[in-house]
Amino acid sequence: MPYASQSDITDLYGVDALVVADHDRDGVADATATLRALDYASAEIDTWLARRYTLPLHEVPQHLKQLCVEIALYRLALSAEMMTEQMQKRYDAALKTLSEIAKGNAQLVFSTPIPLPTDGLEGDFNAPSPIVQGGPERLFSREKMRDI
């Protein structure tokens, strides 16, 4: 399932943005081509997100929808030979953002917390854990090393 829809494209950039999806030049965007571009864009995003997040995501953050739209419009413009410098810049910025997410320098922000896998374990994993100190006596200490 794609991270964005055709209505997300029109919400962000208006109906005119879908001129790149009008393959038969009848003035109406080809819904199949648009959905295919959004699917491919989502798959490209997944390759970046898989390094940091368990897929599929439990929700789609708004910023991720925008990145999906940018990549899909870029792909549609390539196939329609209608590439603009603006589309290229937006695509490059989207890839840079995804790269930063994959490196851990940025992260997706969810409106609901990510559910943690419990694997049958009980307890509150978000609560602070006590610090445990201890262990065997040190083999090398200042006092023991002083006479050497």
C-alpha atoms as a PDB file:
ATOM      1  CA  MET A   1       0.000   0.000   0.000  1.00  0.00           C
ATOM      2  CA  PRO A   2       1.490   3.361  -0.971  1.00  0.00           C
ATOM      3  CA  TYR A   3       2.353   5.990   1.623  1.00  0.00           C
ATOM      4  CA  ALA A   4       0.455   8.656  -0.328  1.00  0.00           C
ATOM      5  CA  SER A   5      -2.513   8.908  -2.675  1.00  0.00           C
ATOM      6  CA  GLN A   6      -3.464  10.926  -5.727  1.00  0.00           C
ATOM      7  CA  SER A   7      -5.474  13.232  -3.474  1.00  0.00           C
ATOM      8  CA  ASP A   8      -2.321  13.867  -1.415  1.00  0.00           C
ATOM      9  CA  ILE A   9      -0.619  15.095  -4.591  1.00  0.00           C
ATOM     10  CA  THR A  10      -3.467  17.478  -5.387  1.00  0.00           C
ATOM     11  CA  ASP A  11      -3.657  18.621  -1.751  1.00  0.00           C
ATOM     12  CA  LEU A  12       0.054  19.528  -1.783  1.00  0.00           C
ATOM     13  CA  TYR A  13       0.471  20.957  -5.289  1.00  0.00           C
ATOM     14  CA  GLY A  14      -2.966  21.254  -6.883  1.00  0.00           C
ATOM     15  CA  VAL A  15      -4.511  19.448  -9.840  1.00  0.00           C
ATOM     16  CA  ASP A  16      -1.971  20.947 -12.254  1.00  0.00           C
ATOM     17  CA  ALA A  17       0.794  18.860 -10.676  1.00  0.00           C
ATOM     18  CA  LEU A  18      -0.783  15.757 -12.205  1.00  0.00           C
ATOM     19  CA  VAL A  19      -0.133  16.948 -15.745  1.00  0.00           C
ATOM     20  CA  VAL A  20       2.896  14.635 -15.629  1.00  0.00           C
ATOM     21  CA  ALA A  21       0.495  11.694 -15.220  1.00  0.00           C
ATOM     22  CA  ASP A  22      -1.553  12.561 -18.326  1.00  0.00           C
ATOM     23  CA  HIS A  23       0.063  10.033 -20.641  1.00  0.00           C
ATOM     24  CA  ASP A  24      -2.642  10.048 -23.327  1.00  0.00           C
ATOM     25  CA  ARG A  25      -2.845  13.883 -23.347  1.00  0.00           C
ATOM     26  CA  ASP A  26      -6.624  13.999 -22.824  1.00  0.00           C
ATOM     27  CA  GLY A  27      -6.403  16.495 -19.941  1.00  0.00           C
ATOM     28  CA  VAL A  28      -7.079  13.873 -17.249  1.00  0.00           C
ATOM     29  CA  ALA A  29      -4.371  12.287 -15.115  1.00  0.00           C
ATOM     30  CA  ASP A  30      -3.954   8.549 -15.657  1.00  0.00           C
ATOM     31  CA  ALA A  31      -4.933   7.065 -12.288  1.00  0.00           C
ATOM     32  CA  THR A  32      -3.132   3.795 -13.028  1.00  0.00           C
ATOM     33  CA  ALA A  33       0.141   5.558 -13.798  1.00  0.00           C
ATOM     34  CA  THR A  34      -0.213   7.721 -10.688  1.00  0.00           C
ATOM     35  CA  LEU A  35      -0.890   4.729  -8.442  1.00  0.00           C
ATOM     36  CA  ARG A  36       2.037   2.830  -9.969  1.00  0.00           C
ATOM     37  CA  ALA A  37       4.360   5.806  -9.361  1.00  0.00           C
ATOM     38  CA  LEU A  38       3.155   6.075  -5.757  1.00  0.00           C
ATOM     39  CA  ASP A  39       3.707   2.329  -5.265  1.00  0.00           C
ATOM     40  CA  TYR A  40       7.252   2.551  -6.640  1.00  0.00           C
ATOM     41  CA  ALA A  41       7.967   5.634  -4.542  1.00  0.00           C
ATOM     42  CA  SER A  42       6.738   3.803  -1.427  1.00  0.00           C
ATOM     43  CA  ALA A  43       8.939   0.816  -2.235  1.00  0.00           C
ATOM     44  CA  GLU A  44      11.919   3.150  -2.649  1.00  0.00           C
ATOM     45  CA  ILE A  45      11.133   4.737   0.719  1.00  0.00           C
ATOM     46  CA  ASP A  46      10.909   1.290   2.321  1.00  0.00           C
ATOM     47  CA  THR A  47      14.474   0.521   1.250  1.00  0.00           C
ATOM     48  CA  TRP A  48      15.633   3.485   3.326  1.00  0.00           C
ATOM     49  CA  LEU A  49      13.305   2.968   6.293  1.00  0.00           C
ATOM     50  CA  ALA A  50      14.032  -0.740   6.673  1.00  0.00           C
ATOM     51  CA  ARG A  51      17.361   0.123   8.327  1.00  0.00           C
ATOM     52  CA  ARG A  52      15.636   1.817  11.294  1.00  0.00           C
ATOM     53  CA  TYR A  53      11.960   0.841  11.385  1.00  0.00           C
ATOM     54  CA  THR A  54       9.930  -2.338  11.400  1.00  0.00           C
ATOM     55  CA  LEU A  55       7.836  -2.427   8.254  1.00  0.00           C
ATOM     56  CA  PRO A  56       4.996  -2.002   7.574  1.00  0.00           C
ATOM     57  CA  LEU A  57       4.685   1.152   9.646  1.00  0.00           C
ATOM     58  CA  HIS A  58       1.743   1.305  12.057  1.00  0.00           C
ATOM     59  CA  GLU A  59       0.854   4.754  10.690  1.00  0.00           C
ATOM     60  CA  VAL A  60       2.066   7.072   7.934  1.00  0.00           C
ATOM     61  CA  PRO A  61       3.511  10.361   9.219  1.00  0.00           C
ATOM     62  CA  GLN A  62       2.593  13.467   7.221  1.00  0.00           C
ATOM     63  CA  HIS A  63       6.210  14.128   6.263  1.00  0.00           C
ATOM     64  CA  LEU A  64       6.483  10.645   4.780  1.00  0.00           C
ATOM     65  CA  LYS A  65       3.437  11.351   2.588  1.00  0.00           C
ATOM     66  CA  GLN A  66       5.180  14.435   1.255  1.00  0.00           C
ATOM     67  CA  LEU A  67       8.368  12.486   0.498  1.00  0.00           C
ATOM     68  CA  CYS A  68       6.314   9.861  -1.331  1.00  0.00           C
ATOM     69  CA  VAL A  69       4.603  12.560  -3.401  1.00  0.00           C
ATOM     70  CA  GLU A  70       7.945  14.152  -4.330  1.00  0.00           C
ATOM     71  CA  ILE A  71       9.428  10.850  -5.470  1.00  0.00           C
ATOM     72  CA  ALA A  72       6.277   9.837  -7.377  1.00  0.00           C
ATOM     73  CA  LEU A  73       6.080  13.170  -9.227  1.00  0.00           C
ATOM     74  CA  TYR A  74       9.740  12.852 -10.139  1.00  0.00           C
ATOM     75  CA  ARG A  75       9.173   9.365 -11.555  1.00  0.00           C
ATOM     76  CA  LEU A  76       6.075  10.501 -13.470  1.00  0.00           C
ATOM     77  CA  ALA A  77       7.926  13.494 -14.893  1.00  0.00           C
ATOM     78  CA  LEU A  78      10.763  11.243 -16.061  1.00  0.00           C
ATOM     79  CA  SER A  79       8.374   8.961 -17.911  1.00  0.00           C
ATOM     80  CA  ALA A  80       6.506  11.903 -19.468  1.00  0.00           C
ATOM     81  CA  GLU A  81       9.751  13.743 -20.300  1.00  0.00           C
ATOM     82  CA  MET A  82       8.490  16.789 -18.400  1.00  0.00           C
ATOM     83  CA  MET A  83      11.252  17.057 -15.811  1.00  0.00           C
ATOM     84  CA  THR A  84      11.818  20.483 -14.301  1.00  0.00           C
ATOM     85  CA  GLU A  85      14.683  21.708 -12.181  1.00  0.00           C
ATOM     86  CA  GLN A  86      12.254  22.175  -9.287  1.00  0.00           C
ATOM     87  CA  MET A  87      11.174  18.515  -9.443  1.00  0.00           C
ATOM     88  CA  GLN A  88      14.788  17.406  -9.514  1.00  0.00           C
ATOM     89  CA  LYS A  89      15.598  19.536  -6.442  1.00  0.00           C
ATOM     90  CA  ARG A  90      12.583  18.196  -4.537  1.00  0.00           C
ATOM     91  CA  TYR A  91      13.528  14.611  -5.399  1.00  0.00           C
ATOM     92  CA  ASP A  92      17.145  15.170  -4.307  1.00  0.00           C
ATOM     93  CA  ALA A  93      15.928  16.743  -1.051  1.00  0.00           C
ATOM     94  CA  ALA A  94      13.610  13.778  -0.439  1.00  0.00           C
ATOM     95  CA  LEU A  95      16.471  11.320  -0.915  1.00  0.00           C
ATOM     96  CA  LYS A  96      18.688  13.361   1.389  1.00  0.00           C
ATOM     97  CA  THR A  97      16.001  13.306   4.071  1.00  0.00           C
ATOM     98  CA  LEU A  98      15.566   9.544   3.689  1.00  0.00           C
ATOM     99  CA  SER A  99      19.329   9.119   3.913  1.00  0.00           C
ATOM    100  CA  GLU A 100      19.405  11.097   7.169  1.00  0.00           C
ATOM    101  CA  ILE A 101      16.583   8.947   8.548  1.00  0.00           C
ATOM    102  CA  ALA A 102      18.460   5.781   7.580  1.00  0.00           C
ATOM    103  CA  LYS A 103      21.635   7.062   9.272  1.00  0.00           C
ATOM    104  CA  GLY A 104      19.721   7.929  12.431  1.00  0.00           C
ATOM    105  CA  ASN A 105      20.345  11.686  12.136  1.00  0.00           C
ATOM    106  CA  ALA A 106      16.594  12.260  11.676  1.00  0.00           C
ATOM    107  CA  GLN A 107      13.567  10.216  12.577  1.00  0.00           C
ATOM    108  CA  LEU A 108       9.929   9.848  11.701  1.00  0.00           C
ATOM    109  CA  VAL A 109       7.485  11.431  14.126  1.00  0.00           C
ATOM    110  CA  PHE A 110       4.361   9.397  14.824  1.00  0.00           C
ATOM    111  CA  SER A 111       1.202  10.760  16.419  1.00  0.00           C
ATOM    112  CA  THR A 112       0.815   7.526  18.397  1.00  0.00           C
ATOM    113  CA  PRO A 113       3.734   5.742  20.080  1.00  0.00           C
ATOM    114  CA  ILE A 114       5.294   2.786  18.329  1.00  0.00           C
ATOM    115  CA  PRO A 115       4.122  -0.409  20.014  1.00  0.00           C
ATOM    116  CA  LEU A 116       7.027  -2.314  21.544  1.00  0.00           C
ATOM    117  CA  PRO A 117       7.230  -6.067  21.035  1.00  0.00           C
ATOM    118  CA  THR A 118       6.880  -7.815  24.378  1.00  0.00           C
ATOM    119  CA  ASP A 119       7.699 -11.389  23.315  1.00  0.00           C
ATOM    120  CA  GLY A 120       5.770 -12.685  26.318  1.00  0.00           C
ATOM    121  CA  LEU A 121       7.653 -10.479  28.786  1.00  0.00           C
ATOM    122  CA  GLU A 122       5.721  -8.558  31.392  1.00  0.00           C
ATOM    123  CA  GLY A 123       6.517  -5.160  32.822  1.00  0.00           C
ATOM    124  CA  ASP A 124       6.743  -1.529  31.919  1.00  0.00           C
ATOM    125  CA  PHE A 125       9.662  -1.151  29.515  1.00  0.00           C
ATOM    126  CA  ASN A 126       9.357   2.637  29.496  1.00  0.00           C
ATOM    127  CA  ALA A 127       9.921   2.909  33.259  1.00  0.00           C
ATOM    128  CA  PRO A 128      13.423   3.751  34.503  1.00  0.00           C
ATOM    129  CA  SER A 129      15.530   0.717  35.312  1.00  0.00           C
ATOM    130  CA  PRO A 130      17.568   0.525  38.538  1.00  0.00           C
ATOM    131  CA  ILE A 131      21.337   0.748  38.298  1.00  0.00           C
ATOM    132  CA  VAL A 132      22.913  -2.493  39.440  1.00  0.00           C
ATOM    133  CA  GLN A 133      26.468  -2.411  40.760  1.00  0.00           C
ATOM    134  CA  GLY A 134      28.515  -5.289  41.892  1.00  0.00           C
ATOM    135  CA  GLY A 135      30.675  -8.091  40.708  1.00  0.00           C
ATOM    136  CA  PRO A 136      33.839  -9.866  41.790  1.00  0.00           C
ATOM    137  CA  GLU A 137      36.693  -8.110  43.543  1.00  0.00           C
ATOM    138  CA  ARG A 138      39.000  -6.228  41.193  1.00  0.00           C
ATOM    139  CA  LEU A 139      42.147  -8.083  40.202  1.00  0.00           C
ATOM    140  CA  PHE A 140      44.136  -4.928  39.560  1.00  0.00           C
ATOM    141  CA  SER A 141      43.687  -1.920  41.798  1.00  0.00           C
ATOM    142  CA  ARG A 142      45.931   0.993  42.801  1.00  0.00           C
ATOM    143  CA  GLU A 143      46.682  -0.625  46.095  1.00  0.00           C
ATOM    144  CA  LYS A 144      47.575  -4.007  44.580  1.00  0.00           C
ATOM    145  CA  MET A 145      49.692  -2.448  41.839  1.00  0.00           C
ATOM    146  CA  ARG A 146      51.564  -0.091  44.203  1.00  0.00           C
ATOM    147  CA  ASP A 147      54.146  -2.680  45.298  1.00  0.00           C
ATOM    148  CA  ILE A 148      55.078  -3.852  41.832  1.00  0.00           C
END
